[in-house]
Amino acid sequence: MSGNWQERNRPARLERRYEFDSYEALRDFLDRAAELSEREGLYPDIGFGRDYVNMTIHVEEGETTLGDSQRKFAQQLDELLSDSTH
């Protein structure tokens, strides 16, 4: 997980903003992030504009702290970015 993720409390979550050079690169990233979400069973909150995506990964329901699955998911999102046409 890169240092670009911000860990927040109350509620516990990870947040990151990804920026892109083009809308096409952003779309490619979102498509691959959706596939990753389905595969991992984790569904972050996503907000986006023409050239950015804000991701928030929350703790699992009933939990109060971030676990390995959320941190691994953040790392996998970062890997998608390095594979994209950013």
PDB file of N, CA and C in Angstrom:
ATOM      1  N   MET A   1       0.854  -1.175   0.000  1.00  0.00           N
ATOM      2  CA  MET A   1       0.000   0.000   0.000  1.00  0.00           C
ATOM      3  C   MET A   1       0.894   1.229   0.000  1.00  0.00           C
ATOM      4  N   SER A   2       0.661   2.131  -0.914  1.00  0.00           N
ATOM      5  CA  SER A   2       1.503   3.319  -1.024  1.00  0.00           C
ATOM      6  C   SER A   2       1.207   4.307   0.095  1.00  0.00           C
ATOM      7  N   GLY A   3       2.144   5.224   0.287  1.00  0.00           N
ATOM      8  CA  GLY A   3       1.982   6.269   1.283  1.00  0.00           C
ATOM      9  C   GLY A   3       0.938   7.305   0.913  1.00  0.00           C
ATOM     10  N   ASN A   4       0.348   7.179  -0.273  1.00  0.00           N
ATOM     11  CA  ASN A   4      -0.687   8.119  -0.701  1.00  0.00           C
ATOM     12  C   ASN A   4      -2.029   7.852  -0.028  1.00  0.00           C
ATOM     13  N   TRP A   5      -2.177   6.710   0.606  1.00  0.00           N
ATOM     14  CA  TRP A   5      -3.404   6.398   1.340  1.00  0.00           C
ATOM     15  C   TRP A   5      -3.361   7.093   2.696  1.00  0.00           C
ATOM     16  N   GLN A   6      -4.479   7.691   3.066  1.00  0.00           N
ATOM     17  CA  GLN A   6      -4.617   8.326   4.371  1.00  0.00           C
ATOM     18  C   GLN A   6      -5.496   7.434   5.243  1.00  0.00           C
ATOM     19  N   GLU A   7      -4.998   7.084   6.410  1.00  0.00           N
ATOM     20  CA  GLU A   7      -5.796   6.286   7.335  1.00  0.00           C
ATOM     21  C   GLU A   7      -6.538   7.237   8.263  1.00  0.00           C
ATOM     22  N   ARG A   8      -7.843   7.056   8.346  1.00  0.00           N
ATOM     23  CA  ARG A   8      -8.698   7.916   9.170  1.00  0.00           C
ATOM     24  C   ARG A   8      -9.392   7.074  10.242  1.00  0.00           C
ATOM     25  N   ASN A   9      -9.821   7.762  11.301  1.00  0.00           N
ATOM     26  CA  ASN A   9     -10.578   7.119  12.380  1.00  0.00           C
ATOM     27  C   ASN A   9     -11.960   7.739  12.439  1.00  0.00           C
ATOM     28  N   ARG A  10     -12.843   7.053  13.088  1.00  0.00           N
ATOM     29  CA  ARG A  10     -14.203   7.548  13.382  1.00  0.00           C
ATOM     30  C   ARG A  10     -14.983   7.940  12.152  1.00  0.00           C
ATOM     31  N   PRO A  11     -15.387   7.085  11.321  1.00  0.00           N
ATOM     32  CA  PRO A  11     -15.133   5.644  11.350  1.00  0.00           C
ATOM     33  C   PRO A  11     -13.796   5.315  10.704  1.00  0.00           C
ATOM     34  N   ALA A  12     -13.272   4.151  11.046  1.00  0.00           N
ATOM     35  CA  ALA A  12     -11.989   3.712  10.492  1.00  0.00           C
ATOM     36  C   ALA A  12     -12.133   3.500   8.993  1.00  0.00           C
ATOM     37  N   ARG A  13     -11.177   4.076   8.224  1.00  0.00           N
ATOM     38  CA  ARG A  13     -11.240   3.966   6.770  1.00  0.00           C
ATOM     39  C   ARG A  13      -9.895   4.363   6.163  1.00  0.00           C
ATOM     40  N   LEU A  14      -9.713   3.987   4.899  1.00  0.00           N
ATOM     41  CA  LEU A  14      -8.574   4.421   4.099  1.00  0.00           C
ATOM     42  C   LEU A  14      -9.097   5.304   2.986  1.00  0.00           C
ATOM     43  N   GLU A  15      -8.395   6.399   2.691  1.00  0.00           N
ATOM     44  CA  GLU A  15      -8.817   7.318   1.635  1.00  0.00           C
ATOM     45  C   GLU A  15      -7.635   7.626   0.720  1.00  0.00           C
ATOM     46  N   ARG A  16      -7.940   7.740  -0.559  1.00  0.00           N
ATOM     47  CA  ARG A  16      -6.910   8.129  -1.520  1.00  0.00           C
ATOM     48  C   ARG A  16      -7.562   8.798  -2.727  1.00  0.00           C
ATOM     49  N   ARG A  17      -6.841   9.750  -3.297  1.00  0.00           N
ATOM     50  CA  ARG A  17      -7.249  10.405  -4.543  1.00  0.00           C
ATOM     51  C   ARG A  17      -6.265   9.985  -5.628  1.00  0.00           C
ATOM     52  N   TYR A  18      -6.795   9.480  -6.725  1.00  0.00           N
ATOM     53  CA  TYR A  18      -6.000   9.142  -7.904  1.00  0.00           C
ATOM     54  C   TYR A  18      -6.267  10.212  -8.958  1.00  0.00           C
ATOM     55  N   GLU A  19      -5.215  10.681  -9.632  1.00  0.00           N
ATOM     56  CA  GLU A  19      -5.380  11.667 -10.696  1.00  0.00           C
ATOM     57  C   GLU A  19      -4.896  11.073 -12.011  1.00  0.00           C
ATOM     58  N   PHE A  20      -5.560  11.463 -13.115  1.00  0.00           N
ATOM     59  CA  PHE A  20      -5.311  10.878 -14.425  1.00  0.00           C
ATOM     60  C   PHE A  20      -5.095  11.965 -15.467  1.00  0.00           C
ATOM     61  N   ASP A  21      -4.339  11.605 -16.498  1.00  0.00           N
ATOM     62  CA  ASP A  21      -4.058  12.535 -17.587  1.00  0.00           C
ATOM     63  C   ASP A  21      -5.209  12.633 -18.578  1.00  0.00           C
ATOM     64  N   SER A  22      -6.072  11.609 -18.602  1.00  0.00           N
ATOM     65  CA  SER A  22      -7.173  11.609 -19.562  1.00  0.00           C
ATOM     66  C   SER A  22      -8.373  10.872 -18.982  1.00  0.00           C
ATOM     67  N   TYR A  23      -9.536  11.182 -19.526  1.00  0.00           N
ATOM     68  CA  TYR A  23     -10.748  10.499 -19.107  1.00  0.00           C
ATOM     69  C   TYR A  23     -10.686   9.019 -19.471  1.00  0.00           C
ATOM     70  N   GLU A  24     -10.050   8.694 -20.585  1.00  0.00           N
ATOM     71  CA  GLU A  24      -9.929   7.292 -21.006  1.00  0.00           C
ATOM     72  C   GLU A  24      -9.128   6.486 -19.987  1.00  0.00           C
ATOM     73  N   ALA A  25      -8.042   7.059 -19.466  1.00  0.00           N
ATOM     74  CA  ALA A  25      -7.233   6.381 -18.448  1.00  0.00           C
ATOM     75  C   ALA A  25      -8.048   6.194 -17.167  1.00  0.00           C
ATOM     76  N   LEU A  26      -8.819   7.212 -16.805  1.00  0.00           N
ATOM     77  CA  LEU A  26      -9.680   7.125 -15.634  1.00  0.00           C
ATOM     78  C   LEU A  26     -10.696   6.005 -15.803  1.00  0.00           C
ATOM     79  N   ARG A  27     -11.348   5.950 -16.962  1.00  0.00           N
ATOM     80  CA  ARG A  27     -12.348   4.906 -17.243  1.00  0.00           C
ATOM     81  C   ARG A  27     -11.740   3.516 -17.182  1.00  0.00           C
ATOM     82  N   ASP A  28     -10.555   3.358 -17.742  1.00  0.00           N
ATOM     83  CA  ASP A  28      -9.873   2.068 -17.707  1.00  0.00           C
ATOM     84  C   ASP A  28      -9.611   1.650 -16.262  1.00  0.00           C
ATOM     85  N   PHE A  29      -9.135   2.585 -15.456  1.00  0.00           N
ATOM     86  CA  PHE A  29      -8.879   2.294 -14.051  1.00  0.00           C
ATOM     87  C   PHE A  29     -10.166   1.893 -13.331  1.00  0.00           C
ATOM     88  N   LEU A  30     -11.251   2.632 -13.549  1.00  0.00           N
ATOM     89  CA  LEU A  30     -12.521   2.311 -12.887  1.00  0.00           C
ATOM     90  C   LEU A  30     -13.044   0.943 -13.311  1.00  0.00           C
ATOM     91  N   ASP A  31     -12.909   0.607 -14.577  1.00  0.00           N
ATOM     92  CA  ASP A  31     -13.360  -0.711 -15.049  1.00  0.00           C
ATOM     93  C   ASP A  31     -12.580  -1.829 -14.360  1.00  0.00           C
ATOM     94  N   ARG A  32     -11.265  -1.649 -14.271  1.00  0.00           N
ATOM     95  CA  ARG A  32     -10.444  -2.677 -13.627  1.00  0.00           C
ATOM     96  C   ARG A  32     -10.655  -2.704 -12.112  1.00  0.00           C
ATOM     97  N   ALA A  33     -10.931  -1.551 -11.513  1.00  0.00           N
ATOM     98  CA  ALA A  33     -11.241  -1.497 -10.083  1.00  0.00           C
ATOM     99  C   ALA A  33     -12.556  -2.223  -9.796  1.00  0.00           C
ATOM    100  N   ALA A  34     -13.521  -2.095 -10.699  1.00  0.00           N
ATOM    101  CA  ALA A  34     -14.799  -2.802 -10.537  1.00  0.00           C
ATOM    102  C   ALA A  34     -14.593  -4.312 -10.596  1.00  0.00           C
ATOM    103  N   GLU A  35     -13.767  -4.770 -11.511  1.00  0.00           N
ATOM    104  CA  GLU A  35     -13.462  -6.203 -11.602  1.00  0.00           C
ATOM    105  C   GLU A  35     -12.775  -6.687 -10.329  1.00  0.00           C
ATOM    106  N   LEU A  36     -11.832  -5.897  -9.806  1.00  0.00           N
ATOM    107  CA  LEU A  36     -11.146  -6.235  -8.569  1.00  0.00           C
ATOM    108  C   LEU A  36     -12.127  -6.299  -7.404  1.00  0.00           C
ATOM    109  N   SER A  37     -13.037  -5.342  -7.323  1.00  0.00           N
ATOM    110  CA  SER A  37     -14.038  -5.333  -6.255  1.00  0.00           C
ATOM    111  C   SER A  37     -14.870  -6.602  -6.275  1.00  0.00           C
ATOM    112  N   GLU A  38     -15.317  -6.999  -7.450  1.00  0.00           N
ATOM    113  CA  GLU A  38     -16.108  -8.226  -7.575  1.00  0.00           C
ATOM    114  C   GLU A  38     -15.299  -9.439  -7.131  1.00  0.00           C
ATOM    115  N   ARG A  39     -14.058  -9.493  -7.545  1.00  0.00           N
ATOM    116  CA  ARG A  39     -13.200 -10.635  -7.231  1.00  0.00           C
ATOM    117  C   ARG A  39     -12.912 -10.715  -5.729  1.00  0.00           C
ATOM    118  N   GLU A  40     -12.665  -9.573  -5.094  1.00  0.00           N
ATOM    119  CA  GLU A  40     -12.286  -9.540  -3.674  1.00  0.00           C
ATOM    120  C   GLU A  40     -13.482  -9.413  -2.728  1.00  0.00           C
ATOM    121  N   GLY A  41     -14.639  -9.020  -3.255  1.00  0.00           N
ATOM    122  CA  GLY A  41     -15.811  -8.841  -2.402  1.00  0.00           C
ATOM    123  C   GLY A  41     -15.735  -7.602  -1.525  1.00  0.00           C
ATOM    124  N   LEU A  42     -14.934  -6.634  -1.934  1.00  0.00           N
ATOM    125  CA  LEU A  42     -14.826  -5.354  -1.230  1.00  0.00           C
ATOM    126  C   LEU A  42     -15.291  -4.246  -2.166  1.00  0.00           C
ATOM    127  N   TYR A  43     -16.120  -3.350  -1.645  1.00  0.00           N
ATOM    128  CA  TYR A  43     -16.733  -2.322  -2.481  1.00  0.00           C
ATOM    129  C   TYR A  43     -16.510  -0.946  -1.863  1.00  0.00           C
ATOM    130  N   PRO A  44     -15.473  -0.248  -2.319  1.00  0.00           N
ATOM    131  CA  PRO A  44     -15.170   1.074  -1.758  1.00  0.00           C
ATOM    132  C   PRO A  44     -16.193   2.110  -2.211  1.00  0.00           C
ATOM    133  N   ASP A  45     -16.257   3.196  -1.468  1.00  0.00           N
ATOM    134  CA  ASP A  45     -17.014   4.358  -1.930  1.00  0.00           C
ATOM    135  C   ASP A  45     -16.145   5.053  -2.964  1.00  0.00           C
ATOM    136  N   ILE A  46     -16.749   5.443  -4.080  1.00  0.00           N
ATOM    137  CA  ILE A  46     -16.010   6.052  -5.178  1.00  0.00           C
ATOM    138  C   ILE A  46     -16.700   7.347  -5.594  1.00  0.00           C
ATOM    139  N   GLY A  47     -15.912   8.389  -5.725  1.00  0.00           N
ATOM    140  CA  GLY A  47     -16.370   9.649  -6.294  1.00  0.00           C
ATOM    141  C   GLY A  47     -15.373  10.024  -7.374  1.00  0.00           C
ATOM    142  N   PHE A  48     -15.861  10.526  -8.503  1.00  0.00           N
ATOM    143  CA  PHE A  48     -14.916  10.855  -9.569  1.00  0.00           C
ATOM    144  C   PHE A  48     -15.386  12.031 -10.398  1.00  0.00           C
ATOM    145  N   GLY A  49     -14.421  12.632 -11.060  1.00  0.00           N
ATOM    146  CA  GLY A  49     -14.655  13.707 -12.002  1.00  0.00           C
ATOM    147  C   GLY A  49     -13.957  13.365 -13.303  1.00  0.00           C
ATOM    148  N   ARG A  50     -13.734  14.353 -14.137  1.00  0.00           N
ATOM    149  CA  ARG A  50     -13.131  14.121 -15.446  1.00  0.00           C
ATOM    150  C   ARG A  50     -11.727  13.539 -15.362  1.00  0.00           C
ATOM    151  N   ASP A  51     -10.955  13.932 -14.343  1.00  0.00           N
ATOM    152  CA  ASP A  51      -9.557  13.491 -14.286  1.00  0.00           C
ATOM    153  C   ASP A  51      -9.104  13.014 -12.898  1.00  0.00           C
ATOM    154  N   TYR A  52     -10.046  12.647 -12.035  1.00  0.00           N
ATOM    155  CA  TYR A  52      -9.670  12.143 -10.715  1.00  0.00           C
ATOM    156  C   TYR A  52     -10.686  11.128 -10.204  1.00  0.00           C
ATOM    157  N   VAL A  53     -10.220  10.299  -9.264  1.00  0.00           N
ATOM    158  CA  VAL A  53     -11.080   9.349  -8.558  1.00  0.00           C
ATOM    159  C   VAL A  53     -10.724   9.425  -7.085  1.00  0.00           C
ATOM    160  N   ASN A  54     -11.725   9.589  -6.232  1.00  0.00           N
ATOM    161  CA  ASN A  54     -11.539   9.505  -4.785  1.00  0.00           C
ATOM    162  C   ASN A  54     -12.063   8.151  -4.329  1.00  0.00           C
ATOM    163  N   MET A  55     -11.228   7.405  -3.620  1.00  0.00           N
ATOM    164  CA  MET A  55     -11.598   6.080  -3.110  1.00  0.00           C
ATOM    165  C   MET A  55     -11.597   6.119  -1.590  1.00  0.00           C
ATOM    166  N   THR A  56     -12.608   5.501  -0.993  1.00  0.00           N
ATOM    167  CA  THR A  56     -12.671   5.316   0.449  1.00  0.00           C
ATOM    168  C   THR A  56     -12.984   3.853   0.722  1.00  0.00           C
ATOM    169  N   ILE A  57     -12.092   3.204   1.454  1.00  0.00           N
ATOM    170  CA  ILE A  57     -12.271   1.807   1.830  1.00  0.00           C
ATOM    171  C   ILE A  57     -12.622   1.779   3.310  1.00  0.00           C
ATOM    172  N   HIS A  58     -13.809   1.272   3.620  1.00  0.00           N
ATOM    173  CA  HIS A  58     -14.295   1.218   4.998  1.00  0.00           C
ATOM    174  C   HIS A  58     -14.001  -0.141   5.625  1.00  0.00           C
ATOM    175  N   VAL A  59     -14.057  -0.188   6.947  1.00  0.00           N
ATOM    176  CA  VAL A  59     -13.917  -1.460   7.656  1.00  0.00           C
ATOM    177  C   VAL A  59     -15.125  -2.331   7.336  1.00  0.00           C
ATOM    178  N   GLU A  60     -14.958  -3.634   7.547  1.00  0.00           N
ATOM    179  CA  GLU A  60     -16.071  -4.548   7.331  1.00  0.00           C
ATOM    180  C   GLU A  60     -17.126  -4.317   8.400  1.00  0.00           C
ATOM    181  N   GLU A  61     -18.364  -4.574   8.046  1.00  0.00           N
ATOM    182  CA  GLU A  61     -19.471  -4.356   8.971  1.00  0.00           C
ATOM    183  C   GLU A  61     -19.240  -5.120  10.268  1.00  0.00           C
ATOM    184  N   GLY A  62     -19.457  -4.438  11.379  1.00  0.00           N
ATOM    185  CA  GLY A  62     -19.262  -5.036  12.687  1.00  0.00           C
ATOM    186  C   GLY A  62     -17.848  -4.896  13.224  1.00  0.00           C
ATOM    187  N   GLU A  63     -16.910  -4.444  12.403  1.00  0.00           N
ATOM    188  CA  GLU A  63     -15.519  -4.255  12.827  1.00  0.00           C
ATOM    189  C   GLU A  63     -15.284  -2.787  13.185  1.00  0.00           C
ATOM    190  N   THR A  64     -14.262  -2.539  13.972  1.00  0.00           N
ATOM    191  CA  THR A  64     -13.939  -1.166  14.359  1.00  0.00           C
ATOM    192  C   THR A  64     -12.553  -0.738  13.887  1.00  0.00           C
ATOM    193  N   THR A  65     -11.754  -1.686  13.388  1.00  0.00           N
ATOM    194  CA  THR A  65     -10.417  -1.359  12.903  1.00  0.00           C
ATOM    195  C   THR A  65     -10.209  -1.949  11.519  1.00  0.00           C
ATOM    196  N   LEU A  66      -9.316  -1.332  10.770  1.00  0.00           N
ATOM    197  CA  LEU A  66      -8.981  -1.824   9.438  1.00  0.00           C
ATOM    198  C   LEU A  66      -8.225  -3.145   9.559  1.00  0.00           C
ATOM    199  N   GLY A  67      -8.499  -4.042   8.636  1.00  0.00           N
ATOM    200  CA  GLY A  67      -7.839  -5.338   8.652  1.00  0.00           C
ATOM    201  C   GLY A  67      -6.940  -5.527   7.455  1.00  0.00           C
ATOM    202  N   ASP A  68      -6.349  -6.691   7.385  1.00  0.00           N
ATOM    203  CA  ASP A  68      -5.447  -7.024   6.290  1.00  0.00           C
ATOM    204  C   ASP A  68      -6.154  -6.977   4.941  1.00  0.00           C
ATOM    205  N   SER A  69      -7.428  -7.374   4.897  1.00  0.00           N
ATOM    206  CA  SER A  69      -8.133  -7.407   3.610  1.00  0.00           C
ATOM    207  C   SER A  69      -8.288  -6.004   3.025  1.00  0.00           C
ATOM    208  N   GLN A  70      -8.555  -5.004   3.864  1.00  0.00           N
ATOM    209  CA  GLN A  70      -8.678  -3.631   3.365  1.00  0.00           C
ATOM    210  C   GLN A  70      -7.324  -3.093   2.901  1.00  0.00           C
ATOM    211  N   ARG A  71      -6.279  -3.379   3.632  1.00  0.00           N
ATOM    212  CA  ARG A  71      -4.941  -2.918   3.251  1.00  0.00           C
ATOM    213  C   ARG A  71      -4.461  -3.609   1.965  1.00  0.00           C
ATOM    214  N   LYS A  72      -4.743  -4.890   1.848  1.00  0.00           N
ATOM    215  CA  LYS A  72      -4.383  -5.625   0.633  1.00  0.00           C
ATOM    216  C   LYS A  72      -5.148  -5.064  -0.563  1.00  0.00           C
ATOM    217  N   PHE A  73      -6.413  -4.755  -0.369  1.00  0.00           N
ATOM    218  CA  PHE A  73      -7.229  -4.195  -1.443  1.00  0.00           C
ATOM    219  C   PHE A  73      -6.665  -2.844  -1.901  1.00  0.00           C
ATOM    220  N   ALA A  74      -6.247  -2.015  -0.945  1.00  0.00           N
ATOM    221  CA  ALA A  74      -5.638  -0.718  -1.289  1.00  0.00           C
ATOM    222  C   ALA A  74      -4.372  -0.937  -2.118  1.00  0.00           C
ATOM    223  N   GLN A  75      -3.563  -1.916  -1.733  1.00  0.00           N
ATOM    224  CA  GLN A  75      -2.347  -2.224  -2.488  1.00  0.00           C
ATOM    225  C   GLN A  75      -2.695  -2.677  -3.905  1.00  0.00           C
ATOM    226  N   GLN A  76      -3.723  -3.498  -4.024  1.00  0.00           N
ATOM    227  CA  GLN A  76      -4.139  -3.974  -5.346  1.00  0.00           C
ATOM    228  C   GLN A  76      -4.638  -2.829  -6.214  1.00  0.00           C
ATOM    229  N   LEU A  77      -5.329  -1.859  -5.627  1.00  0.00           N
ATOM    230  CA  LEU A  77      -5.748  -0.686  -6.390  1.00  0.00           C
ATOM    231  C   LEU A  77      -4.538   0.090  -6.883  1.00  0.00           C
ATOM    232  N   ASP A  78      -3.536   0.237  -6.019  1.00  0.00           N
ATOM    233  CA  ASP A  78      -2.308   0.926  -6.428  1.00  0.00           C
ATOM    234  C   ASP A  78      -1.642   0.197  -7.580  1.00  0.00           C
ATOM    235  N   GLU A  79      -1.654  -1.122  -7.557  1.00  0.00           N
ATOM    236  CA  GLU A  79      -1.070  -1.902  -8.639  1.00  0.00           C
ATOM    237  C   GLU A  79      -1.841  -1.700  -9.940  1.00  0.00           C
ATOM    238  N   LEU A  80      -3.158  -1.542  -9.860  1.00  0.00           N
ATOM    239  CA  LEU A  80      -3.951  -1.243 -11.056  1.00  0.00           C
ATOM    240  C   LEU A  80      -3.509   0.072 -11.663  1.00  0.00           C
ATOM    241  N   LEU A  81      -3.224   1.036 -10.813  1.00  0.00           N
ATOM    242  CA  LEU A  81      -2.787   2.345 -11.297  1.00  0.00           C
ATOM    243  C   LEU A  81      -1.464   2.228 -12.036  1.00  0.00           C
ATOM    244  N   SER A  82      -0.534   1.456 -11.484  1.00  0.00           N
ATOM    245  CA  SER A  82       0.776   1.337 -12.134  1.00  0.00           C
ATOM    246  C   SER A  82       0.664   0.575 -13.458  1.00  0.00           C
ATOM    247  N   ASP A  83      -0.379  -0.233 -13.617  1.00  0.00           N
ATOM    248  CA  ASP A  83      -0.591  -0.968 -14.867  1.00  0.00           C
ATOM    249  C   ASP A  83      -1.395  -0.179 -15.891  1.00  0.00           C
ATOM    250  N   SER A  84      -1.994   0.946 -15.455  1.00  0.00           N
ATOM    251  CA  SER A  84      -2.877   1.684 -16.365  1.00  0.00           C
ATOM    252  C   SER A  84      -2.081   2.609 -17.263  1.00  0.00           C
ATOM    253  N   THR A  85      -2.784   3.206 -18.203  1.00  0.00           N
ATOM    254  CA  THR A  85      -2.182   4.179 -19.116  1.00  0.00           C
ATOM    255  C   THR A  85      -2.284   5.559 -18.512  1.00  0.00           C
ATOM    256  N   HIS A  86      -1.836   5.697 -17.282  1.00  0.00           N
ATOM    257  CA  HIS A  86      -1.897   6.943 -16.508  1.00  0.00           C
ATOM    258  C   HIS A  86      -1.058   8.029 -17.136  1.00  0.00           C
TER     259      HIS A  86
END
